[in-house]
Amino acid sequence: PMVEVPQITNVEFDEQDRAVITGIARIRASPDAPTIENSFKLRTRIGTRKNGQVIRLQDPEIAILLECPKAWERNIVSALKKLNLPIPQRPEPIVIFVPLLQPRVVTDKDGFDLGEDNCIKSIDTKNGA
């Protein structure tokens, strides 16, 4: 599949200081297949190797969002209005993170090489920093 990320809409950190990246992805199974555009949420730690010369995402997880479909919501609201009943607030979606990749051995091709003169000594990520 071909995956393109044209927009990152938010970056925040959870209570365990893992980055939570939200954005839009365009996915196409093959060159002649239609493109599907969908939002995504990725949770990951940020790590280094080669004494801080290479930075990479570590233990990435993708979110599965469970929410009431918009069509159902419209039908429920319409029915409640006809019955003169109060319309409840829309519930928050249920978010479940699952591992994006199976645990694997780190190779020399993983991550982004910053160069020998740009080694990271430490990474401290905090929400609101």
Foldseek 3Di string as FASTA:
>chain_A
DDKDFPWWDDWFADPVRWIKTKGKMWDAPDPPGDIDIDIWIKTFHWDADPQQQFIATHQIWIKDWAADDPVVLVVVVVVCVVVVHDRDDGDDIDIDIDGPDDDDDDDPPGGDGNDPVDGDNDDDGHGPD
